[in-house]
Amino acid sequence: MPVLNRFVKQQEFASYEDFYENFSVNIPDNFNFAFDVMDVLAREKPHERALVWCDERGAEDSFSYQDLMYLSNQAAAVLCGAGIGKGDPVMLILKRRWEYWIILLALHKIGAIAIPATHLLTAKDIVYRCKAASVVSIISVDEPIMRRIDEADAKLRAEGYTGVRFKAFVRSVHAAADDAPPVSEAPGAAHQAVPWVDFHAALKADRTKPAVFAHPADGAVNDDIMLLYFTSGTTGMPKMVRHNFVYPLGHIITAKYWLQVEEGGLHFTVADTGWAKAAWGKMYGQWLCGAAVFVYDYDRFAPDAMLDVITRYKVTSFCAPPTVYRFFIKENLARYDFSHLKQCSVAGEPLNPEIYEQWKAGAGLRLREAYGQTELTVAVCSFPWFTPKPGSMGKPSPGYDISLIRDDGSPCDMGEEGQLVIHTGAKKPVGMFYGYYRDAELTGSVWHDGVYHTGDMAWQDEDGYFWFVGRADDLIKSSGYRIGPFEVESALMEHPAVLECAVTGVPDPDRGAAVKATIVLASGHEPSNALKTELQEHVKKTTAPYKYPRVIEFVAELPKTISGKIRRVQIREEENG
């Protein structure tokens, strides 16, 4: 019996309405994804591929479900031996190394709290996260992030924080044994109370001699914290999003009905393991649905190289942010064989309709968009029962009772822009977060009276499709009009001279605010007043005339968060001096 059948009785539906009304998840007591899904798969189909990994330099490896069970058991034994136990917060800075999946499963087995983080963190970022979450262990890729971790550790200890008691590194697959820092000579080791441990040396991973790690008697229960995700901090300090052990079951909808992974297929989501998108597309839902996970480990994004691995490894379903597709459509797509690729999805930022149309023309596949947050699973989606409308997020997922409200809390009319909210009074969606860790005040400010306020603005058309407008903080109020940046950005993206853009408001004595476009030009185009005028006229014709950017600035690059999202707040702050 497929493992998914243990959690979902009905998987086929006649229509979207049937799906929305009747889809449900059976949630067992004391559910633990590592034991109740992965170890079950290891027993039922031990030799079937579960994880396919390769990197930009030609290294590759493949792991069966049995491999993952054996290796995660061994990793759990190593961590327990280092004093890591139930409820202990462990930060993982492992980029796209295959060890991430092994160690994460091991932490689930122990009942510890996993805190995925990006390798782009500064020492200051690491200090903030360690103190905020009481981190007891950091497991990282090798240099250069190790030096930043040691710098952070030294600052923490100078302040009297001695919580970090185990640090381990994962050696680069291309490094010789003596290339990575030895334990006794790790960066700053002489000044640290805790030395670095070579995780592979500790693991002694011999797949023929598995360590035994049984389901502990005092194992995690459903409401225990399984994951803490720090948000990307687009508008302020990162928040700690708390997910419990039921969270993986919320991603059944993600994988089966949005990404549409195939039993025995190979799914590829472009995401660093430090962000929640990796949980969406690189493990839970995919394995629940019987698909293998594909991981492409790279430091520098090259669209032609990524397209090559998609076709060479016969990826069957693919998901990436709009930026990736933006670069794909600049390539000669006719060179690539997409015959194995059955489904393409997009998320992370709103999708410009121009990208949708060009990808469909070049690859022959529609892009299915979805909306969610680190706090949620897929809340709105272009599901398979209806044709996507380019630029629309789609319709609500089962379990998500969604509406749009005005500033005064009253419901919006059809076509009227408002804040997207989720009603949780009757039932909370499976996989939705349990509040911000150690911050009841912040949680209460966005989630009260049975309503979670997403902070995102949207409108709904007569067919029930939702359309993203922008973050509430990003809306521009000009001459009495409320202008969402996304519509103006979409219009600009249709122009061949525009590679990337961000639309913000700037102070204007007559209008209150004027629309400003900060633009990165495509190759072969140069800044000029003539081009500014051309772009302004293009927006006037494509959208309402009052929405055109009165101010245009050409830049070499846009400010972004460490997750790659555009920081409009920084553009506004720089403009306001």
Protein backbone atom coordinates (compact mmCIF):
# COMPACT_ATOMS: atom_id res chain seq x y z
CA MET A 1 0.00 0.00 0.00
CA PRO A 2 1.47 3.40 -0.96
CA VAL A 3 2.48 5.32 2.13
CA LEU A 4 0.23 8.23 1.15
CA ASN A 5 -2.84 6.02 1.60
CA ARG A 6 -2.15 5.94 5.33
CA PHE A 7 -2.86 9.65 5.57
CA VAL A 8 -5.27 10.49 2.73
CA LYS A 9 -8.23 8.24 1.88
CA GLN A 10 -9.54 10.13 -1.16
CA GLN A 11 -6.96 11.27 -3.69
CA GLU A 12 -8.96 11.65 -6.90
CA PHE A 13 -11.60 14.36 -7.28
CA ALA A 14 -14.08 15.25 -9.99
CA SER A 15 -13.62 18.99 -9.76
CA TYR A 16 -11.93 21.77 -7.82
CA GLU A 17 -15.11 22.19 -5.77
CA ASP A 18 -15.09 18.48 -4.90
CA PHE A 19 -11.43 18.77 -3.91
CA TYR A 20 -11.92 21.88 -1.77
CA GLU A 21 -14.90 20.43 0.09
CA ASN A 22 -13.79 16.83 0.58
CA PHE A 23 -9.99 16.60 0.78
CA SER A 24 -8.81 15.79 4.30
CA VAL A 25 -5.73 14.44 6.05
CA ASN A 26 -5.75 11.73 8.71
CA ILE A 27 -3.35 12.85 11.43
CA PRO A 28 -2.10 10.04 13.67
CA ASP A 29 -1.01 10.59 17.25
CA ASN A 30 2.71 11.16 17.82
CA PHE A 31 3.39 11.46 14.09
CA ASN A 32 7.06 11.55 13.17
CA PHE A 33 7.88 11.91 9.48
CA ALA A 34 11.26 10.20 9.78
CA PHE A 35 9.88 7.06 11.43
CA ASP A 36 6.34 6.95 10.04
CA VAL A 37 7.12 7.80 6.42
CA MET A 38 10.80 7.39 5.58
CA ASP A 39 11.50 4.25 7.60
CA VAL A 40 8.25 2.73 6.32
CA LEU A 41 9.35 3.44 2.74
CA ALA A 42 12.76 1.94 3.53
CA ARG A 43 11.04 -1.30 4.53
CA GLU A 44 8.49 -1.37 1.71
CA LYS A 45 10.73 -0.37 -1.21
CA PRO A 46 14.27 -0.35 0.17
CA HIS A 47 16.16 -0.09 -3.12
CA GLU A 48 14.03 2.51 -4.88
CA ARG A 49 15.78 5.85 -5.41
CA ALA A 50 14.81 8.58 -2.96
CA LEU A 51 17.45 11.27 -3.44
CA VAL A 52 19.52 12.11 -6.51
CA TRP A 53 22.31 14.64 -5.95
CA CYS A 54 24.79 16.28 -8.33
CA ASP A 55 26.85 19.44 -8.36
CA GLU A 56 28.09 21.93 -10.93
CA ARG A 57 31.52 20.27 -11.11
CA GLY A 58 30.26 16.84 -12.14
CA ALA A 59 30.07 14.98 -8.82
CA GLU A 60 26.94 12.93 -8.28
CA ASP A 61 25.41 10.44 -5.89
CA SER A 62 22.13 8.61 -5.44
CA PHE A 63 20.45 7.30 -2.29
CA SER A 64 17.71 4.74 -1.84
CA TYR A 65 15.11 4.86 0.92
CA GLN A 66 17.11 2.21 2.73
CA ASP A 67 20.25 4.33 2.42
CA LEU A 68 18.46 7.29 3.99
CA MET A 69 17.19 5.18 6.87
CA TYR A 70 20.63 3.71 7.60
CA LEU A 71 22.46 7.02 7.32
CA SER A 72 19.91 8.99 9.34
CA ASN A 73 20.11 6.31 12.06
CA GLN A 74 23.87 6.70 12.17
CA ALA A 75 23.61 10.50 12.20
CA ALA A 76 21.08 10.30 15.05
CA ALA A 77 23.51 8.16 17.02
CA VAL A 78 26.30 10.70 16.43
CA LEU A 79 24.12 13.58 17.57
CA CYS A 80 22.90 11.74 20.66
CA GLY A 81 26.51 10.93 21.46
CA ALA A 82 27.26 14.67 21.29
CA GLY A 83 24.56 15.35 23.86
CA ILE A 84 21.84 16.53 21.46
CA GLY A 85 18.41 15.47 22.72
CA LYS A 86 14.70 16.08 22.43
CA GLY A 87 13.82 19.77 22.15
CA ASP A 88 17.40 20.95 21.54
CA PRO A 89 17.66 23.65 18.81
CA VAL A 90 20.25 22.77 16.14
CA MET A 91 21.19 25.19 13.35
CA LEU A 92 21.90 23.64 9.95
CA ILE A 93 23.95 25.65 7.45
CA LEU A 94 24.44 23.01 4.76
CA LYS A 95 23.60 24.75 1.47
CA ARG A 96 22.56 22.00 -0.96
CA ARG A 97 24.85 19.28 0.36
CA TRP A 98 23.19 15.85 0.48
CA GLU A 99 24.10 15.54 4.15
CA TYR A 100 21.35 18.06 4.94
CA TRP A 101 18.66 15.47 4.29
CA ILE A 102 20.41 12.83 6.41
CA ILE A 103 20.93 15.15 9.37
CA LEU A 104 17.46 16.67 9.21
CA LEU A 105 15.86 13.21 9.34
CA ALA A 106 18.16 12.36 12.24
CA LEU A 107 17.02 15.45 14.16
CA HIS A 108 13.39 14.45 13.57
CA LYS A 109 14.12 10.99 14.99
CA ILE A 110 15.69 12.49 18.09
CA GLY A 111 12.86 15.00 18.52
CA ALA A 112 15.28 17.93 18.33
CA ILE A 113 14.42 21.30 16.78
CA ALA A 114 15.96 21.90 13.36
CA ILE A 115 16.78 25.50 12.39
CA PRO A 116 17.69 25.60 8.68
CA ALA A 117 19.81 28.63 7.79
CA THR A 118 21.56 30.03 4.74
CA HIS A 119 25.34 30.09 4.31
CA LEU A 120 25.07 33.80 3.49
CA LEU A 121 24.55 34.71 7.14
CA THR A 122 27.00 37.17 8.64
CA ALA A 123 28.52 36.71 12.09
CA LYS A 124 25.97 39.25 13.37
CA ASP A 125 23.13 37.20 11.86
CA ILE A 126 24.44 34.05 13.54
CA VAL A 127 24.73 35.77 16.92
CA TYR A 128 21.13 37.00 16.63
CA ARG A 129 19.79 33.55 15.75
CA CYS A 130 21.76 31.71 18.43
CA LYS A 131 20.51 34.02 21.17
CA ALA A 132 16.94 34.22 19.87
CA ALA A 133 16.50 30.45 19.59
CA SER A 134 18.97 29.24 22.29
CA VAL A 135 20.93 27.24 19.73
CA VAL A 136 23.00 24.40 21.24
CA SER A 137 24.64 23.08 18.07
CA ILE A 138 25.67 24.26 14.61
CA ILE A 139 26.35 21.88 11.74
CA SER A 140 27.82 23.61 8.72
CA VAL A 141 29.49 23.20 5.38
CA ASP A 142 33.23 23.86 5.43
CA GLU A 143 34.94 27.19 4.80
CA PRO A 144 34.31 30.13 4.60
CA ILE A 145 31.15 30.06 6.74
CA MET A 146 33.06 28.29 9.55
CA ARG A 147 35.12 31.41 10.23
CA ARG A 148 31.96 33.50 10.54
CA ILE A 149 30.51 30.93 12.93
CA ASP A 150 33.66 31.09 15.05
CA GLU A 151 33.51 34.88 15.03
CA ALA A 152 29.91 34.69 16.20
CA ASP A 153 30.78 32.07 18.82
CA ALA A 154 33.54 34.28 20.21
CA LYS A 155 31.14 37.24 20.45
CA LEU A 156 28.53 35.08 22.16
CA ARG A 157 31.00 33.77 24.74
CA ALA A 158 32.27 37.28 25.38
CA GLU A 159 28.69 38.15 26.27
CA GLY A 160 28.41 35.13 28.56
CA TYR A 161 26.42 32.88 26.20
CA THR A 162 27.83 29.34 26.33
CA GLY A 163 24.87 27.55 24.78
CA VAL A 164 26.64 26.22 21.67
CA ARG A 165 28.20 22.95 22.79
CA PHE A 166 28.66 21.01 19.54
CA LYS A 167 29.98 22.27 16.21
CA ALA A 168 30.48 20.01 13.21
CA PHE A 169 31.41 20.60 9.59
CA VAL A 170 30.70 18.72 6.38
CA ARG A 171 33.67 18.59 4.04
CA SER A 172 33.25 19.67 0.44
CA VAL A 173 32.85 16.68 -1.87
CA HIS A 174 35.80 17.96 -3.92
CA ALA A 175 38.13 18.58 -1.01
CA ALA A 176 40.93 16.20 -0.20
CA ALA A 177 40.99 14.88 3.34
CA ASP A 178 43.66 17.41 4.35
CA ASP A 179 41.97 20.37 2.61
CA ALA A 180 39.27 20.84 5.24
CA PRO A 181 40.38 22.25 8.59
CA PRO A 182 41.46 19.47 10.97
CA VAL A 183 39.65 19.38 14.28
CA SER A 184 42.66 20.59 16.23
CA GLU A 185 43.34 23.42 13.80
CA ALA A 186 39.84 24.59 13.05
CA PRO A 187 39.45 28.35 12.56
CA GLY A 188 39.80 30.02 15.93
CA ALA A 189 39.83 26.67 17.71
CA ALA A 190 42.38 27.88 20.25
CA HIS A 191 39.94 30.54 21.40
CA GLN A 192 36.81 28.40 21.45
CA ALA A 193 35.47 26.18 24.21
CA VAL A 194 34.02 23.81 21.60
CA PRO A 195 36.23 22.46 18.78
CA TRP A 196 35.03 21.61 15.30
CA VAL A 197 34.16 17.98 14.58
CA ASP A 198 34.45 16.43 11.14
CA PHE A 199 30.93 15.06 10.75
CA HIS A 200 31.92 12.44 8.19
CA ALA A 201 34.66 11.12 10.42
CA ALA A 202 32.13 10.87 13.24
CA LEU A 203 29.49 9.34 11.04
CA LYS A 204 31.67 6.56 9.59
CA ALA A 205 28.93 6.02 7.05
CA ASP A 206 29.00 2.37 6.05
CA ARG A 207 25.71 1.61 4.35
CA THR A 208 26.13 -2.14 4.91
CA LYS A 209 26.31 -1.79 8.71
CA PRO A 210 23.44 0.41 9.80
CA ALA A 211 23.25 1.89 13.23
CA VAL A 212 20.10 0.99 15.11
CA PHE A 213 17.91 3.88 16.16
CA ALA A 214 14.47 2.97 17.43
CA HIS A 215 11.47 5.21 17.97
CA PRO A 216 12.20 6.62 21.45
CA ALA A 217 9.68 6.06 24.23
CA ASP A 218 9.79 9.76 25.07
CA GLY A 219 9.60 10.78 21.42
CA ALA A 220 8.12 13.99 20.08
CA VAL A 221 4.37 14.52 20.10
CA ASN A 222 2.40 16.31 17.42
CA ASP A 223 2.53 19.76 19.01
CA ASP A 224 6.25 19.72 19.78
CA ILE A 225 8.41 22.09 17.73
CA MET A 226 10.02 20.32 14.78
CA LEU A 227 11.26 23.29 12.73
CA LEU A 228 12.08 26.93 13.38
CA TYR A 229 12.40 29.08 10.28
CA PHE A 230 13.74 32.60 10.44
CA THR A 231 11.91 34.75 7.91
CA SER A 232 13.94 36.59 5.28
CA GLY A 233 13.52 39.97 6.95
CA THR A 234 12.19 42.01 4.01
CA THR A 235 10.63 44.60 6.35
CA GLY A 236 12.36 44.14 9.72
CA MET A 237 14.25 41.72 11.93
CA PRO A 238 13.67 38.07 11.03
CA LYS A 239 10.83 36.36 12.88
CA MET A 240 11.01 32.80 14.20
CA VAL A 241 8.25 30.76 12.58
CA ARG A 242 7.34 27.70 14.63
CA HIS A 243 6.20 24.47 12.92
CA ASN A 244 5.26 21.26 14.72
CA PHE A 245 5.64 17.59 13.83
CA VAL A 246 2.38 17.56 11.82
CA TYR A 247 3.78 20.13 9.39
CA PRO A 248 4.99 17.60 6.76
CA LEU A 249 1.44 16.34 6.23
CA GLY A 250 0.38 19.83 5.14
CA HIS A 251 2.65 19.43 2.13
CA ILE A 252 0.65 16.58 0.63
CA ILE A 253 -1.33 19.27 -1.19
CA THR A 254 1.92 21.02 -2.15
CA ALA A 255 3.41 17.99 -3.84
CA LYS A 256 0.45 16.09 -5.22
CA TYR A 257 -1.93 18.83 -6.32
CA TRP A 258 0.31 21.82 -7.03
CA LEU A 259 3.72 20.43 -8.04
CA GLN A 260 1.91 17.31 -9.35
CA VAL A 261 4.81 14.98 -8.68
CA GLU A 262 4.59 11.45 -10.08
CA GLU A 263 4.96 8.16 -8.24
CA GLY A 264 8.49 7.09 -9.16
CA GLY A 265 9.19 10.47 -10.77
CA LEU A 266 12.02 12.90 -10.08
CA HIS A 267 11.16 16.33 -8.69
CA PHE A 268 13.45 19.36 -8.72
CA THR A 269 12.72 22.50 -6.72
CA VAL A 270 15.26 25.32 -6.87
CA ALA A 271 15.82 26.39 -3.27
CA ASP A 272 18.58 26.68 -0.72
CA THR A 273 18.01 24.44 2.29
CA GLY A 274 18.07 27.50 4.54
CA TRP A 275 14.58 28.54 3.46
CA ALA A 276 11.09 27.07 3.90
CA LYS A 277 10.81 26.55 0.13
CA ALA A 278 13.12 23.55 0.61
CA ALA A 279 10.54 21.99 2.93
CA TRP A 280 7.88 22.68 0.33
CA GLY A 281 9.69 21.14 -2.60
CA LYS A 282 12.65 19.05 -1.51
CA MET A 283 11.48 16.37 0.92
CA TYR A 284 8.19 16.01 2.80
CA GLY A 285 5.41 16.06 0.22
CA GLN A 286 7.56 14.55 -2.52
CA TRP A 287 8.44 11.45 -0.46
CA LEU A 288 4.88 11.13 0.86
CA CYS A 289 3.77 10.95 -2.78
CA GLY A 290 6.47 8.44 -3.76
CA ALA A 291 8.62 10.76 -5.89
CA ALA A 292 12.38 11.04 -5.63
CA VAL A 293 13.98 14.39 -4.81
CA PHE A 294 16.57 15.87 -7.18
CA VAL A 295 19.21 18.23 -5.79
CA TYR A 296 21.50 20.37 -7.93
CA ASP A 297 24.29 21.79 -5.78
CA TYR A 298 25.76 24.96 -7.27
CA ASP A 299 27.37 28.19 -6.13
CA ARG A 300 26.75 30.29 -9.23
CA PHE A 301 23.43 30.15 -11.08
CA ALA A 302 23.92 29.52 -14.79
CA PRO A 303 20.65 29.06 -16.68
CA ASP A 304 22.15 26.90 -19.42
CA ALA A 305 23.76 24.58 -16.85
CA MET A 306 20.50 24.19 -14.93
CA LEU A 307 18.53 23.48 -18.09
CA ASP A 308 21.14 20.88 -18.97
CA VAL A 309 20.76 18.96 -15.69
CA ILE A 310 16.96 19.11 -15.95
CA THR A 311 17.10 17.34 -19.28
CA ARG A 312 20.11 15.10 -18.58
CA TYR A 313 18.65 13.62 -15.39
CA LYS A 314 15.14 13.41 -16.89
CA VAL A 315 13.47 15.55 -14.24
CA THR A 316 9.69 15.00 -14.38
CA SER A 317 8.47 18.01 -12.37
CA PHE A 318 10.16 21.33 -11.69
CA CYS A 319 9.59 24.41 -9.52
CA ALA A 320 11.55 27.66 -9.33
CA PRO A 321 11.10 31.36 -8.54
CA PRO A 322 10.12 33.69 -11.40
CA THR A 323 13.72 34.96 -11.58
CA VAL A 324 14.92 31.54 -12.75
CA TYR A 325 12.34 31.38 -15.53
CA ARG A 326 13.21 34.98 -16.43
CA PHE A 327 16.73 33.81 -17.28
CA PHE A 328 15.53 30.57 -18.87
CA ILE A 329 13.45 32.35 -21.49
CA LYS A 330 16.56 34.26 -22.61
CA GLU A 331 18.14 30.92 -23.59
CA ASN A 332 17.55 28.99 -26.82
CA LEU A 333 14.97 26.58 -25.39
CA ALA A 334 14.78 24.65 -28.66
CA ARG A 335 18.18 23.11 -27.76
CA TYR A 336 16.71 21.18 -24.83
CA ASP A 337 14.66 17.99 -24.71
CA PHE A 338 11.77 18.57 -22.32
CA SER A 339 9.94 15.36 -23.19
CA HIS A 340 10.30 13.95 -19.65
CA LEU A 341 9.22 17.19 -17.98
CA LYS A 342 5.48 16.99 -17.29
CA GLN A 343 4.82 19.84 -14.88
CA CYS A 344 6.35 23.23 -14.10
CA SER A 345 5.45 25.42 -11.15
CA VAL A 346 6.48 28.82 -9.88
CA ALA A 347 6.54 30.47 -6.45
CA GLY A 348 8.56 32.77 -4.24
CA GLU A 349 7.44 36.03 -5.85
CA PRO A 350 4.52 36.96 -8.11
CA LEU A 351 4.75 35.74 -11.68
CA ASN A 352 4.80 38.30 -14.48
CA PRO A 353 2.43 37.16 -17.27
CA GLU A 354 5.14 37.80 -19.88
CA ILE A 355 7.32 35.09 -18.33
CA TYR A 356 4.36 32.68 -18.31
CA GLU A 357 3.68 33.20 -22.01
CA GLN A 358 7.30 32.95 -23.13
CA TRP A 359 7.96 29.78 -21.12
CA LYS A 360 4.79 28.19 -22.50
CA ALA A 361 5.88 29.09 -26.03
CA GLY A 362 9.46 27.89 -25.56
CA ALA A 363 9.02 24.77 -23.40
CA GLY A 364 5.41 23.89 -24.17
CA LEU A 365 4.40 23.87 -20.49
CA ARG A 366 2.09 26.07 -18.46
CA LEU A 367 3.40 27.47 -15.20
CA ARG A 368 1.20 26.80 -12.19
CA GLU A 369 1.52 29.49 -9.59
CA ALA A 370 0.85 29.20 -5.86
CA TYR A 371 0.79 31.50 -2.88
CA GLY A 372 1.97 30.82 0.63
CA GLN A 373 4.29 32.08 3.32
CA THR A 374 6.90 30.60 5.64
CA GLU A 375 4.02 30.56 8.14
CA LEU A 376 1.78 28.51 5.83
CA THR A 377 1.73 25.73 3.30
CA VAL A 378 0.12 26.27 -0.13
CA ALA A 379 -2.80 28.56 0.66
CA VAL A 380 -3.85 29.57 -2.87
CA CYS A 381 -2.94 27.66 -6.01
CA SER A 382 -3.58 27.09 -9.70
CA PHE A 383 -4.85 23.55 -9.24
CA PRO A 384 -5.10 21.00 -12.08
CA TRP A 385 -8.90 21.20 -12.38
CA PHE A 386 -8.81 24.64 -13.97
CA THR A 387 -6.66 26.48 -16.49
CA PRO A 388 -4.20 28.94 -14.94
CA LYS A 389 -4.75 32.61 -15.60
CA PRO A 390 -1.31 34.14 -16.19
CA GLY A 391 -0.44 36.27 -13.20
CA SER A 392 -3.16 34.84 -10.93
CA MET A 393 -2.31 32.88 -7.78
CA GLY A 394 -5.32 30.61 -8.34
CA LYS A 395 -7.94 29.52 -5.81
CA PRO A 396 -7.82 28.54 -2.09
CA SER A 397 -6.50 25.19 -0.91
CA PRO A 398 -8.68 22.81 1.12
CA GLY A 399 -8.65 23.79 4.78
CA TYR A 400 -7.89 27.43 3.99
CA ASP A 401 -10.90 29.69 4.61
CA ILE A 402 -9.71 32.86 2.86
CA SER A 403 -11.23 36.28 2.37
CA LEU A 404 -10.14 39.84 1.57
CA ILE A 405 -10.79 42.67 4.00
CA ARG A 406 -10.57 46.45 4.02
CA ASP A 407 -8.54 48.47 6.51
CA ASP A 408 -11.57 48.62 8.81
CA GLY A 409 -12.00 44.84 8.75
CA SER A 410 -15.09 44.79 6.52
CA PRO A 411 -15.18 42.35 3.57
CA CYS A 412 -14.12 43.53 0.13
CA ASP A 413 -16.36 43.48 -2.89
CA MET A 414 -15.43 41.50 -5.99
CA GLY A 415 -12.56 43.19 -7.77
CA GLU A 416 -11.69 45.35 -4.77
CA GLU A 417 -8.19 45.21 -3.35
CA GLY A 418 -7.84 44.17 0.27
CA GLN A 419 -5.66 42.28 2.72
CA LEU A 420 -5.72 38.50 2.39
CA VAL A 421 -6.73 36.89 5.68
CA ILE A 422 -7.21 33.29 6.83
CA HIS A 423 -10.09 32.39 9.12
CA THR A 424 -8.99 29.79 11.68
CA GLY A 425 -11.83 29.95 14.20
CA ALA A 426 -13.46 26.72 13.01
CA LYS A 427 -10.31 24.84 12.04
CA LYS A 428 -6.64 25.64 11.49
CA PRO A 429 -5.20 24.40 8.17
CA VAL A 430 -2.91 21.38 8.41
CA GLY A 431 0.68 22.61 8.32
CA MET A 432 -0.04 26.20 9.34
CA PHE A 433 2.42 27.58 11.87
CA TYR A 434 1.79 27.67 15.61
CA GLY A 435 2.85 31.25 16.15
CA TYR A 436 6.16 33.09 16.40
CA TYR A 437 8.57 31.48 18.82
CA ARG A 438 8.97 33.40 22.07
CA ASP A 439 6.95 36.34 20.78
CA ALA A 440 3.32 36.16 21.85
CA GLU A 441 2.88 39.89 21.23
CA LEU A 442 3.97 39.65 17.60
CA THR A 443 1.82 36.55 17.10
CA GLY A 444 -1.20 38.33 18.57
CA SER A 445 -0.65 41.36 16.37
CA VAL A 446 -1.24 39.33 13.19
CA TRP A 447 -3.38 36.45 14.48
CA HIS A 448 -6.31 37.32 16.72
CA ASP A 449 -10.05 36.74 16.97
CA GLY A 450 -9.69 33.61 14.88
CA VAL A 451 -8.20 35.49 11.91
CA TYR A 452 -4.60 35.43 10.63
CA HIS A 453 -3.62 38.59 8.76
CA THR A 454 -1.07 37.76 6.07
CA GLY A 455 -0.04 41.37 5.36
CA ASP A 456 -0.45 40.65 1.62
CA MET A 457 -2.82 42.55 -0.62
CA ALA A 458 -4.87 40.90 -3.37
CA TRP A 459 -8.16 41.05 -5.24
CA GLN A 460 -10.55 38.35 -6.45
CA ASP A 461 -12.18 38.21 -9.87
CA GLU A 462 -15.66 36.99 -10.84
CA ASP A 463 -14.35 33.44 -11.43
CA GLY A 464 -12.94 33.14 -7.91
CA TYR A 465 -9.27 33.60 -8.91
CA PHE A 466 -7.05 35.58 -6.54
CA TRP A 467 -4.57 38.16 -7.88
CA PHE A 468 -1.60 39.34 -5.85
CA VAL A 469 -1.13 43.10 -5.50
CA GLY A 470 1.79 43.38 -3.06
CA ARG A 471 2.71 43.57 0.59
CA ALA A 472 0.52 46.03 2.49
CA ASP A 473 3.70 47.94 3.36
CA ASP A 474 4.61 48.20 -0.33
CA LEU A 475 1.37 49.82 -1.55
CA ILE A 476 1.79 53.31 -3.02
CA LYS A 477 -0.86 55.93 -2.24
CA SER A 478 -0.68 58.56 -4.96
CA SER A 479 -3.27 61.30 -5.58
CA GLY A 480 -5.89 59.27 -3.75
CA TYR A 481 -5.15 56.07 -5.69
CA ARG A 482 -3.76 52.88 -4.16
CA ILE A 483 -1.20 51.44 -6.55
CA GLY A 484 0.25 47.96 -6.13
CA PRO A 485 3.86 47.61 -7.32
CA PHE A 486 3.32 44.22 -8.95
CA GLU A 487 1.05 45.45 -11.75
CA VAL A 488 3.52 48.18 -12.72
CA GLU A 489 6.45 45.74 -12.49
CA SER A 490 4.58 43.27 -14.71
CA ALA A 491 4.05 45.95 -17.33
CA LEU A 492 7.72 46.92 -17.25
CA MET A 493 8.82 43.29 -17.52
CA GLU A 494 7.04 43.02 -20.86
CA HIS A 495 9.55 45.47 -22.34
CA PRO A 496 12.63 43.75 -23.81
CA ALA A 497 14.99 46.29 -22.24
CA VAL A 498 14.03 45.31 -18.68
CA LEU A 499 15.74 42.39 -16.93
CA GLU A 500 14.61 43.13 -13.36
CA CYS A 501 12.72 45.93 -11.69
CA ALA A 502 11.27 47.09 -8.39
CA VAL A 503 8.51 49.63 -8.04
CA THR A 504 8.23 51.81 -4.92
CA GLY A 505 6.74 55.11 -3.84
CA VAL A 506 8.77 58.28 -3.36
CA PRO A 507 7.61 61.46 -1.59
CA ASP A 508 5.84 63.93 -3.84
CA PRO A 509 4.56 67.32 -2.58
CA ASP A 510 1.52 67.30 -4.88
CA ARG A 511 0.55 63.62 -4.97
CA GLY A 512 1.70 62.41 -1.56
CA ALA A 513 3.76 59.78 -3.31
CA ALA A 514 4.93 59.22 -6.86
CA VAL A 515 5.61 55.88 -8.50
CA LYS A 516 9.30 55.10 -8.93
CA ALA A 517 10.78 52.23 -10.95
CA THR A 518 14.28 50.99 -10.16
CA ILE A 519 15.40 49.01 -13.21
CA VAL A 520 18.18 46.60 -14.15
CA LEU A 521 18.54 46.66 -17.93
CA ALA A 522 18.90 43.56 -20.07
CA SER A 523 22.11 42.98 -21.98
CA GLY A 524 22.47 45.24 -25.02
CA HIS A 525 20.49 48.15 -23.59
CA GLU A 526 21.90 51.38 -22.18
CA PRO A 527 20.32 53.99 -19.88
CA SER A 528 18.98 57.09 -21.61
CA ASN A 529 16.25 59.69 -21.27
CA ALA A 530 14.71 58.33 -24.44
CA LEU A 531 14.46 54.87 -22.90
CA LYS A 532 12.88 56.33 -19.76
CA THR A 533 10.20 57.99 -21.86
CA GLU A 534 9.66 54.81 -23.84
CA LEU A 535 9.18 52.78 -20.67
CA GLN A 536 6.80 55.35 -19.20
CA GLU A 537 4.67 55.33 -22.34
CA HIS A 538 4.69 51.52 -22.35
CA VAL A 539 3.30 51.40 -18.80
CA LYS A 540 0.66 54.02 -19.60
CA LYS A 541 -0.61 51.88 -22.47
CA THR A 542 -0.41 48.60 -20.56
CA THR A 543 -1.99 49.78 -17.29
CA ALA A 544 -3.99 52.80 -16.20
CA PRO A 545 -2.21 56.08 -17.07
CA TYR A 546 -1.99 57.20 -13.43
CA LYS A 547 0.15 54.15 -12.58
CA TYR A 548 3.12 54.97 -14.78
CA PRO A 549 6.50 55.54 -13.05
CA ARG A 550 7.17 59.27 -12.91
CA VAL A 551 10.66 58.49 -11.61
CA ILE A 552 12.94 55.90 -13.23
CA GLU A 553 16.38 54.96 -11.98
CA PHE A 554 18.69 52.52 -13.80
CA VAL A 555 20.92 50.44 -11.51
CA ALA A 556 23.41 47.59 -11.89
CA GLU A 557 21.57 45.41 -9.37
CA LEU A 558 18.65 45.49 -6.97
CA PRO A 559 19.02 45.15 -3.19
CA LYS A 560 17.83 41.71 -2.10
CA THR A 561 17.47 39.66 1.04
CA ILE A 562 19.77 36.69 1.57
CA SER A 563 16.93 34.57 0.16
CA GLY A 564 16.97 36.56 -3.09
CA LYS A 565 13.78 38.58 -2.58
CA ILE A 566 13.82 42.23 -3.59
CA ARG A 567 14.10 44.58 -0.60
CA ARG A 568 11.76 47.40 -1.62
CA VAL A 569 11.98 48.70 1.93
CA GLN A 570 15.70 49.39 1.41
CA ILE A 571 15.01 51.25 -1.83
CA ARG A 572 12.45 53.40 0.00
CA GLU A 573 14.82 54.06 2.89
CA GLU A 574 17.63 55.10 0.54
CA GLU A 575 15.29 57.38 -1.37
CA ASN A 576 14.05 59.02 1.81
CA GLY A 577 17.61 59.56 3.00
